[in-house]
N, C-alpha and C. Protein backbone atom coordinates (compact mmCIF):
# COMPACT_ATOMS: atom_id res chain seq x y z
N UNK A 1 -0.34 -20.86 -43.00
CA UNK A 1 0.58 -21.84 -43.32
C UNK A 1 1.41 -22.52 -42.22
N UNK A 2 1.92 -21.88 -41.20
CA UNK A 2 2.39 -22.55 -40.10
C UNK A 2 1.55 -23.41 -39.38
N UNK A 3 0.20 -23.39 -39.22
CA UNK A 3 -0.53 -24.18 -38.33
C UNK A 3 -1.34 -25.30 -39.30
N UNK A 4 -0.92 -25.18 -40.40
CA UNK A 4 -1.55 -26.31 -41.57
C UNK A 4 -2.96 -26.34 -41.52
N UNK A 5 -3.27 -24.68 -41.64
CA UNK A 5 -4.82 -25.09 -41.88
C UNK A 5 -4.86 -23.71 -42.80
N UNK A 6 -6.36 -23.81 -43.64
CA UNK A 6 -6.74 -23.06 -44.27
C UNK A 6 -6.66 -21.55 -43.85
N UNK A 7 -6.45 -20.89 -44.61
CA UNK A 7 -6.93 -18.93 -43.93
C UNK A 7 -8.13 -18.94 -43.98
N UNK A 8 -9.21 -19.32 -44.89
CA UNK A 8 -10.52 -19.14 -44.29
C UNK A 8 -10.66 -19.57 -43.04
N UNK A 9 -10.55 -20.69 -42.55
CA UNK A 9 -10.59 -21.34 -41.59
C UNK A 9 -10.07 -20.19 -40.29
N UNK A 10 -8.94 -20.03 -40.33
CA UNK A 10 -8.24 -18.92 -39.24
C UNK A 10 -9.03 -17.57 -39.19
N UNK A 11 -9.65 -17.31 -40.71
CA UNK A 11 -10.38 -15.98 -40.79
C UNK A 11 -11.45 -16.00 -39.99
N UNK A 12 -12.21 -17.08 -40.19
CA UNK A 12 -13.51 -17.58 -40.03
C UNK A 12 -13.08 -17.62 -38.08
N UNK A 13 -12.62 -18.36 -37.39
CA UNK A 13 -12.24 -18.28 -36.18
C UNK A 13 -11.93 -17.11 -35.55
N UNK A 14 -11.29 -16.41 -36.38
CA UNK A 14 -10.94 -14.38 -35.68
C UNK A 14 -12.01 -14.00 -35.43
N UNK A 15 -12.77 -13.92 -36.53
CA UNK A 15 -14.30 -13.06 -36.86
C UNK A 15 -15.24 -13.68 -35.18
N UNK A 16 -15.04 -15.35 -35.21
CA UNK A 16 -15.93 -15.38 -34.35
C UNK A 16 -15.39 -15.36 -32.98
N UNK A 17 -14.15 -15.30 -32.70
CA UNK A 17 -14.00 -14.78 -31.25
C UNK A 17 -13.90 -13.22 -30.95
N UNK A 18 -14.05 -12.43 -32.24
CA UNK A 18 -14.01 -11.07 -32.30
C UNK A 18 -16.08 -10.45 -31.81
N UNK A 19 -16.36 -11.79 -32.61
CA UNK A 19 -17.61 -11.55 -32.38
C UNK A 19 -18.26 -11.56 -30.73
N UNK A 20 -17.25 -12.61 -30.44
CA UNK A 20 -17.70 -13.05 -28.66
C UNK A 20 -17.07 -11.93 -27.69
N UNK A 21 -16.18 -10.98 -28.40
CA UNK A 21 -15.60 -10.78 -27.35
C UNK A 21 -14.72 -11.03 -26.67
N UNK A 22 -13.77 -12.04 -27.43
CA UNK A 22 -12.60 -12.61 -26.75
C UNK A 22 -11.74 -12.05 -27.12
N UNK A 23 -11.54 -11.56 -28.55
CA UNK A 23 -10.34 -10.81 -28.98
C UNK A 23 -11.24 -9.37 -28.89
N UNK A 24 -11.06 -8.30 -28.53
CA UNK A 24 -11.51 -7.03 -27.95
C UNK A 24 -10.81 -6.00 -28.98
N UNK A 25 -10.11 -6.26 -29.25
CA UNK A 25 -9.20 -5.21 -30.23
C UNK A 25 -7.94 -5.23 -30.58
N UNK A 26 -7.47 -4.38 -31.63
CA UNK A 26 -5.86 -4.61 -32.15
C UNK A 26 -5.14 -3.40 -31.54
N UNK A 27 -4.80 -2.67 -30.44
CA UNK A 27 -4.55 -1.53 -30.26
C UNK A 27 -2.82 -1.18 -30.90
N UNK A 28 -2.70 -0.04 -31.34
CA UNK A 28 -1.04 0.39 -31.91
C UNK A 28 -0.91 0.75 -30.56
N UNK A 29 0.65 0.41 -30.04
CA UNK A 29 1.50 0.69 -29.17
C UNK A 29 2.64 1.79 -29.90
N UNK A 30 2.63 2.82 -29.30
CA UNK A 30 3.32 3.83 -29.81
C UNK A 30 4.36 4.28 -28.75
N UNK A 31 5.91 4.32 -29.23
CA UNK A 31 6.44 4.76 -28.26
C UNK A 31 6.47 6.67 -27.96
N UNK A 32 5.78 7.35 -27.45
CA UNK A 32 5.66 8.45 -27.83
C UNK A 32 6.62 9.95 -27.14
N UNK A 33 8.15 8.91 -26.98
CA UNK A 33 9.29 9.51 -26.55
C UNK A 33 9.91 9.98 -27.87
N UNK A 34 9.48 8.98 -28.79
CA UNK A 34 10.31 9.24 -30.47
C UNK A 34 9.33 9.91 -31.13
N UNK A 35 8.04 10.24 -31.10
CA UNK A 35 7.31 10.92 -31.54
C UNK A 35 7.45 12.22 -31.22
N UNK A 36 6.89 13.12 -32.38
CA UNK A 36 7.01 14.57 -32.51
C UNK A 36 5.74 14.93 -31.53
N UNK A 37 4.83 14.29 -30.81
CA UNK A 37 3.70 14.94 -30.50
C UNK A 37 3.97 14.28 -28.77
N UNK A 38 3.60 15.59 -28.28
CA UNK A 38 3.88 15.44 -26.40
C UNK A 38 2.53 14.69 -25.96
N UNK A 39 2.71 13.72 -25.08
CA UNK A 39 1.61 13.07 -24.47
C UNK A 39 2.01 13.15 -22.98
N UNK A 40 1.24 13.42 -22.04
CA UNK A 40 1.20 12.83 -20.69
C UNK A 40 0.46 11.63 -20.37
N UNK A 41 0.99 11.08 -19.61
CA UNK A 41 0.23 9.77 -19.13
C UNK A 41 0.26 9.72 -17.70
N UNK A 42 -0.94 9.33 -16.93
CA UNK A 42 -1.00 9.43 -15.60
C UNK A 42 -1.80 8.10 -15.25
N UNK A 43 -1.76 7.40 -13.95
CA UNK A 43 -2.28 6.49 -13.19
C UNK A 43 -3.00 7.28 -12.05
N UNK A 44 -4.14 7.14 -12.31
CA UNK A 44 -5.08 7.68 -11.41
C UNK A 44 -5.70 6.76 -10.39
N UNK A 45 -5.24 6.42 -8.81
CA UNK A 45 -6.31 5.88 -8.02
C UNK A 45 -7.48 6.39 -7.77
N UNK A 46 -8.10 5.61 -7.42
CA UNK A 46 -9.43 6.60 -7.26
C UNK A 46 -10.20 5.32 -5.79
N UNK A 47 -10.86 6.15 -4.72
CA UNK A 47 -11.41 5.22 -3.69
C UNK A 47 -13.09 6.08 -3.73
N UNK A 48 -13.69 5.08 -3.88
CA UNK A 48 -15.25 5.17 -4.13
C UNK A 48 -16.12 4.58 -3.23
N UNK A 49 -17.21 4.79 -3.38
CA UNK A 49 -18.50 4.03 -2.37
C UNK A 49 -19.44 3.36 -3.61
N UNK A 50 -18.98 1.98 -3.61
CA UNK A 50 -19.81 1.27 -4.56
C UNK A 50 -21.62 1.70 -4.13
N UNK A 51 -22.22 1.43 -5.46
CA UNK A 51 -23.26 1.55 -5.45
C UNK A 51 -24.43 0.52 -4.71
N UNK A 52 -25.49 0.62 -4.16
CA UNK A 52 -26.06 -0.62 -3.67
C UNK A 52 -26.55 -1.14 -4.96
N UNK A 53 -26.68 -2.38 -5.26
CA UNK A 53 -27.21 -3.33 -6.17
C UNK A 53 -26.74 -3.37 -7.27
N UNK A 54 -25.79 -2.38 -7.18
CA UNK A 54 -24.87 -2.41 -8.74
C UNK A 54 -23.27 -2.58 -8.06
N UNK A 55 -22.86 -2.53 -7.18
CA UNK A 55 -21.51 -2.66 -6.57
C UNK A 55 -20.60 -1.34 -7.47
N UNK A 56 -19.34 -1.90 -8.09
CA UNK A 56 -18.65 -1.21 -8.44
C UNK A 56 -18.82 -1.15 -9.78
N UNK A 57 -19.55 -1.69 -10.39
CA UNK A 57 -19.93 -1.84 -12.06
C UNK A 57 -20.10 -0.35 -12.39
N UNK A 58 -21.32 0.15 -11.91
CA UNK A 58 -21.96 1.23 -12.34
C UNK A 58 -21.00 2.50 -11.97
N UNK A 59 -20.17 2.53 -10.87
CA UNK A 59 -19.02 3.77 -11.05
C UNK A 59 -18.11 3.76 -12.23
N UNK A 60 -17.76 2.47 -12.29
CA UNK A 60 -16.84 2.22 -13.20
C UNK A 60 -17.37 2.61 -14.93
N UNK A 61 -18.69 2.35 -14.81
CA UNK A 61 -19.03 2.70 -16.46
C UNK A 61 -19.11 4.23 -16.83
N UNK A 62 -19.42 4.83 -14.84
CA UNK A 62 -19.13 6.69 -15.31
C UNK A 62 -18.27 7.13 -15.69
N UNK A 63 -17.14 6.31 -15.20
CA UNK A 63 -15.50 6.52 -15.30
C UNK A 63 -15.06 6.26 -16.85
N UNK A 64 -15.26 5.00 -17.23
CA UNK A 64 -15.13 4.83 -18.52
C UNK A 64 -15.63 5.02 -19.77
N UNK A 65 -16.75 5.86 -19.28
CA UNK A 65 -17.62 6.77 -20.59
C UNK A 65 -16.80 7.88 -20.90
N UNK A 66 -15.91 8.69 -20.05
CA UNK A 66 -15.23 9.82 -20.30
C UNK A 66 -14.10 9.36 -21.80
N UNK A 67 -14.33 10.07 -22.64
CA UNK A 67 -13.29 10.16 -23.58
C UNK A 67 -12.10 9.91 -23.41
N UNK A 68 -11.22 10.73 -22.09
CA UNK A 68 -10.20 10.84 -21.68
C UNK A 68 -9.52 9.74 -21.17
N UNK A 69 -10.47 8.69 -20.85
CA UNK A 69 -9.86 7.71 -20.25
C UNK A 69 -9.63 6.43 -20.97
N UNK A 70 -8.43 5.67 -21.06
CA UNK A 70 -7.89 4.55 -21.41
C UNK A 70 -8.09 3.46 -20.56
N UNK A 71 -8.33 3.47 -19.98
CA UNK A 71 -8.56 2.15 -19.19
C UNK A 71 -9.11 2.35 -17.42
N UNK A 72 -9.82 1.28 -17.26
CA UNK A 72 -10.04 1.38 -16.00
C UNK A 72 -9.91 0.03 -15.25
N UNK A 73 -9.65 -0.07 -14.10
CA UNK A 73 -9.36 -1.56 -13.51
C UNK A 73 -9.42 -1.48 -11.99
N UNK A 74 -10.16 -2.36 -11.77
CA UNK A 74 -10.99 -2.58 -10.25
C UNK A 74 -9.77 -3.39 -9.40
N UNK A 75 -9.05 -2.96 -8.16
CA UNK A 75 -8.18 -3.24 -7.68
C UNK A 75 -7.97 -3.71 -6.35
N UNK A 76 -7.25 -4.45 -6.02
CA UNK A 76 -7.31 -4.89 -4.23
C UNK A 76 -5.79 -3.57 -3.93
N UNK A 77 -6.05 -3.54 -2.62
CA UNK A 77 -5.49 -2.06 -1.63
C UNK A 77 -6.27 -1.13 -1.17
N UNK A 78 -5.66 -0.02 -0.92
CA UNK A 78 -6.08 1.18 -0.41
C UNK A 78 -7.38 1.77 -0.95
N UNK A 79 -7.23 2.09 -2.78
CA UNK A 79 -8.02 1.79 -3.51
C UNK A 79 -8.76 1.18 -4.33
N UNK A 80 -10.02 1.81 -5.09
CA UNK A 80 -10.78 0.56 -5.72
C UNK A 80 -10.64 0.71 -7.18
N UNK A 81 -10.28 1.83 -7.43
CA UNK A 81 -9.91 1.73 -9.03
C UNK A 81 -8.33 2.11 -9.82
N UNK A 82 -8.30 1.60 -10.84
CA UNK A 82 -6.71 2.46 -11.08
C UNK A 82 -7.29 2.98 -12.53
N UNK A 83 -7.13 4.13 -12.95
CA UNK A 83 -7.55 4.69 -13.87
C UNK A 83 -6.49 5.51 -14.86
N UNK A 84 -6.68 4.92 -16.20
CA UNK A 84 -5.32 5.47 -16.85
C UNK A 84 -5.78 6.43 -17.83
N UNK A 85 -5.42 7.46 -17.86
CA UNK A 85 -5.59 8.67 -19.21
C UNK A 85 -4.04 8.92 -19.40
N UNK A 86 -4.10 9.94 -20.61
CA UNK A 86 -3.60 10.46 -21.29
C UNK A 86 -3.84 11.97 -21.83
N UNK A 87 -3.01 13.14 -21.81
CA UNK A 87 -3.63 14.03 -21.91
C UNK A 87 -2.56 14.89 -22.72
N UNK A 88 -2.50 16.18 -23.06
CA UNK A 88 -1.38 16.65 -24.05
C UNK A 88 -0.42 17.51 -23.01
N UNK A 89 -0.88 17.60 -21.82
CA UNK A 89 -0.15 18.62 -20.71
C UNK A 89 -0.67 17.77 -19.51
N UNK A 90 -0.15 18.29 -18.78
CA UNK A 90 -0.04 18.12 -16.86
C UNK A 90 -1.18 18.67 -16.57
N UNK A 91 -1.71 20.11 -16.97
CA UNK A 91 -2.75 21.04 -16.80
C UNK A 91 -3.78 20.22 -17.41
N UNK A 92 -3.91 19.53 -18.67
CA UNK A 92 -5.09 18.61 -19.15
C UNK A 92 -5.74 17.74 -18.38
N UNK A 93 -4.54 17.02 -17.58
CA UNK A 93 -4.99 15.95 -16.82
C UNK A 93 -5.61 16.51 -15.08
N UNK A 94 -4.61 17.23 -14.91
CA UNK A 94 -5.27 17.94 -13.77
C UNK A 94 -6.63 18.83 -14.02
N UNK A 95 -7.11 18.78 -14.83
CA UNK A 95 -8.38 19.45 -15.08
C UNK A 95 -9.15 18.04 -15.32
N UNK A 96 -9.12 17.27 -15.94
CA UNK A 96 -9.80 16.46 -15.87
C UNK A 96 -10.08 15.53 -14.02
N UNK A 97 -9.11 15.36 -13.69
CA UNK A 97 -9.49 14.87 -12.05
C UNK A 97 -10.05 16.00 -11.42
N UNK A 98 -9.67 17.30 -11.67
CA UNK A 98 -10.70 17.86 -10.49
C UNK A 98 -11.79 18.62 -11.37
N UNK A 99 -12.13 18.21 -12.62
CA UNK A 99 -13.50 18.75 -12.82
C UNK A 99 -14.10 17.85 -12.98
N UNK A 100 -13.72 16.43 -13.29
CA UNK A 100 -14.64 15.29 -13.80
C UNK A 100 -14.82 14.79 -13.24
N UNK A 101 -13.71 13.81 -12.70
CA UNK A 101 -13.62 12.29 -11.57
C UNK A 101 -13.87 13.04 -10.44
N UNK A 102 -12.95 13.85 -9.68
CA UNK A 102 -13.22 13.92 -8.20
C UNK A 102 -14.53 14.39 -7.69
N UNK A 103 -15.47 15.44 -8.44
CA UNK A 103 -16.64 15.89 -8.36
C UNK A 103 -17.83 14.75 -8.07
N UNK A 104 -17.62 13.26 -8.73
CA UNK A 104 -18.57 12.10 -9.00
C UNK A 104 -18.79 11.98 -7.56
N UNK A 105 -20.62 11.43 -6.89
CA UNK A 105 -20.85 11.43 -5.98
C UNK A 105 -20.26 10.12 -5.17
N UNK A 106 -19.89 9.15 -6.24
CA UNK A 106 -19.09 8.16 -5.58
C UNK A 106 -17.83 7.97 -5.02
N UNK A 107 -17.23 9.10 -5.68
CA UNK A 107 -15.66 9.23 -5.45
C UNK A 107 -15.41 9.74 -4.28
N UNK A 108 -14.66 9.19 -3.48
CA UNK A 108 -14.78 9.89 -1.90
C UNK A 108 -12.97 10.15 -2.17
N UNK A 109 -11.97 9.97 -2.93
CA UNK A 109 -10.33 10.33 -3.15
C UNK A 109 -9.98 9.58 -4.24
N UNK A 110 -8.95 10.45 -5.12
CA UNK A 110 -7.93 10.45 -5.86
C UNK A 110 -6.36 10.85 -5.35
N UNK A 111 -5.62 9.79 -6.45
CA UNK A 111 -4.28 10.02 -6.11
C UNK A 111 -3.66 9.64 -7.48
N UNK A 112 -3.19 10.88 -8.10
CA UNK A 112 -2.67 11.07 -9.36
C UNK A 112 -1.15 10.96 -9.46
N UNK A 113 -0.80 9.68 -10.29
CA UNK A 113 0.90 9.48 -10.49
C UNK A 113 0.83 9.60 -12.10
N UNK A 114 1.80 10.59 -12.10
CA UNK A 114 2.18 11.01 -13.76
C UNK A 114 3.40 9.82 -14.22
N UNK A 115 3.25 9.35 -15.26
CA UNK A 115 4.46 8.57 -15.50
C UNK A 115 5.40 8.99 -16.18
N UNK A 116 6.44 9.26 -15.99
CA UNK A 116 7.67 10.06 -16.23
C UNK A 116 8.55 9.29 -17.33
N UNK A 117 8.50 7.89 -17.53
CA UNK A 117 9.19 6.95 -18.08
C UNK A 117 8.34 5.76 -18.60
N UNK A 118 8.62 5.33 -19.92
CA UNK A 118 7.92 3.81 -19.88
C UNK A 118 9.11 2.97 -20.32
N UNK A 119 9.45 2.08 -19.61
CA UNK A 119 11.04 0.73 -19.64
C UNK A 119 10.12 -0.03 -20.35
N UNK A 120 8.75 -0.68 -20.15
CA UNK A 120 7.98 -1.42 -21.00
C UNK A 120 6.64 -1.62 -20.65
N UNK A 121 5.98 -1.51 -21.90
CA UNK A 121 4.36 -1.53 -21.94
C UNK A 121 3.88 -2.70 -22.84
N UNK A 122 2.60 -3.04 -22.10
CA UNK A 122 1.96 -4.34 -23.05
C UNK A 122 3.19 -5.59 -23.58
N UNK A 123 4.04 -5.65 -22.95
CA UNK A 123 5.11 -6.89 -22.71
C UNK A 123 6.31 -6.09 -23.84
N UNK A 124 6.58 -4.75 -24.40
CA UNK A 124 7.31 -4.71 -25.47
C UNK A 124 8.31 -3.71 -24.62
N UNK A 125 9.48 -4.06 -24.71
CA UNK A 125 10.47 -2.83 -24.22
C UNK A 125 10.52 -1.50 -25.06
N UNK A 126 10.44 -0.56 -24.07
CA UNK A 126 10.25 0.63 -24.81
C UNK A 126 11.68 1.65 -24.59
N UNK A 127 12.74 0.78 -23.86
CA UNK A 127 13.35 1.81 -23.59
C UNK A 127 14.88 1.15 -24.38
N UNK A 128 15.88 1.91 -24.90
CA UNK A 128 16.73 1.34 -25.82
C UNK A 128 17.85 0.70 -24.74
N UNK A 129 18.37 -0.34 -25.62
CA UNK A 129 19.44 -0.96 -24.72
C UNK A 129 20.71 -0.05 -24.30
N UNK A 130 21.34 0.16 -23.29
CA UNK A 130 22.36 1.04 -23.07
C UNK A 130 23.66 0.34 -23.44
N UNK A 131 24.34 1.12 -24.41
CA UNK A 131 25.81 0.56 -24.97
C UNK A 131 26.83 1.26 -24.25
N UNK A 132 27.63 -0.15 -23.68
CA UNK A 132 28.73 0.91 -22.82
C UNK A 132 29.81 0.96 -24.30
N UNK A 133 30.14 2.19 -24.01
CA UNK A 133 30.77 2.94 -25.30
C UNK A 133 32.62 3.01 -24.67
N UNK A 134 32.56 2.48 -23.30
CA UNK A 134 34.34 2.42 -22.92
C UNK A 134 35.00 1.41 -23.37
N UNK A 135 36.15 1.77 -23.68
CA UNK A 135 37.37 1.36 -24.03
C UNK A 135 37.57 -0.08 -23.11
N UNK A 136 37.81 -1.42 -23.85
CA UNK A 136 38.28 -2.52 -22.99
C UNK A 136 40.03 -2.20 -22.56
N UNK A 137 39.91 -2.37 -21.31
CA UNK A 137 41.59 -2.08 -21.13
C UNK A 137 42.04 -3.46 -20.36
N UNK A 138 43.21 -4.20 -20.85
CA UNK A 138 43.69 -5.11 -20.38
C UNK A 138 44.90 -4.99 -19.62
N UNK A 139 45.41 -5.79 -18.73
CA UNK A 139 46.25 -5.32 -17.92
C UNK A 139 47.35 -6.53 -18.30
């Protein structure tokens, strides 16, 4: 209605964009700090040796096929990939890195960074605004 277009036309356009992988999904963003479920998020920097003729793509594919992996990004800087994962405990994340990620032939080194607090995620502010409860004093 806001676009002045028929609903069927919008639905068809969205479906076409989904089929062309322009729209890749509709993820739900959860503030785990407010849920009763414990989650540990980690960002793992990974340095690799690219495979001949395949570059970084084949290595990235091996990494992103693990069910624990939420995201894999090719990045610039000292490392080649940024891998995002979530686990229930620090041990679960550590086990993934030591048993699955680090032993891959192409992996040269990893650095695991645990997320301590999310202030903003996917454009959404996660932290509650601080309310100053002090009383105003005027002289």
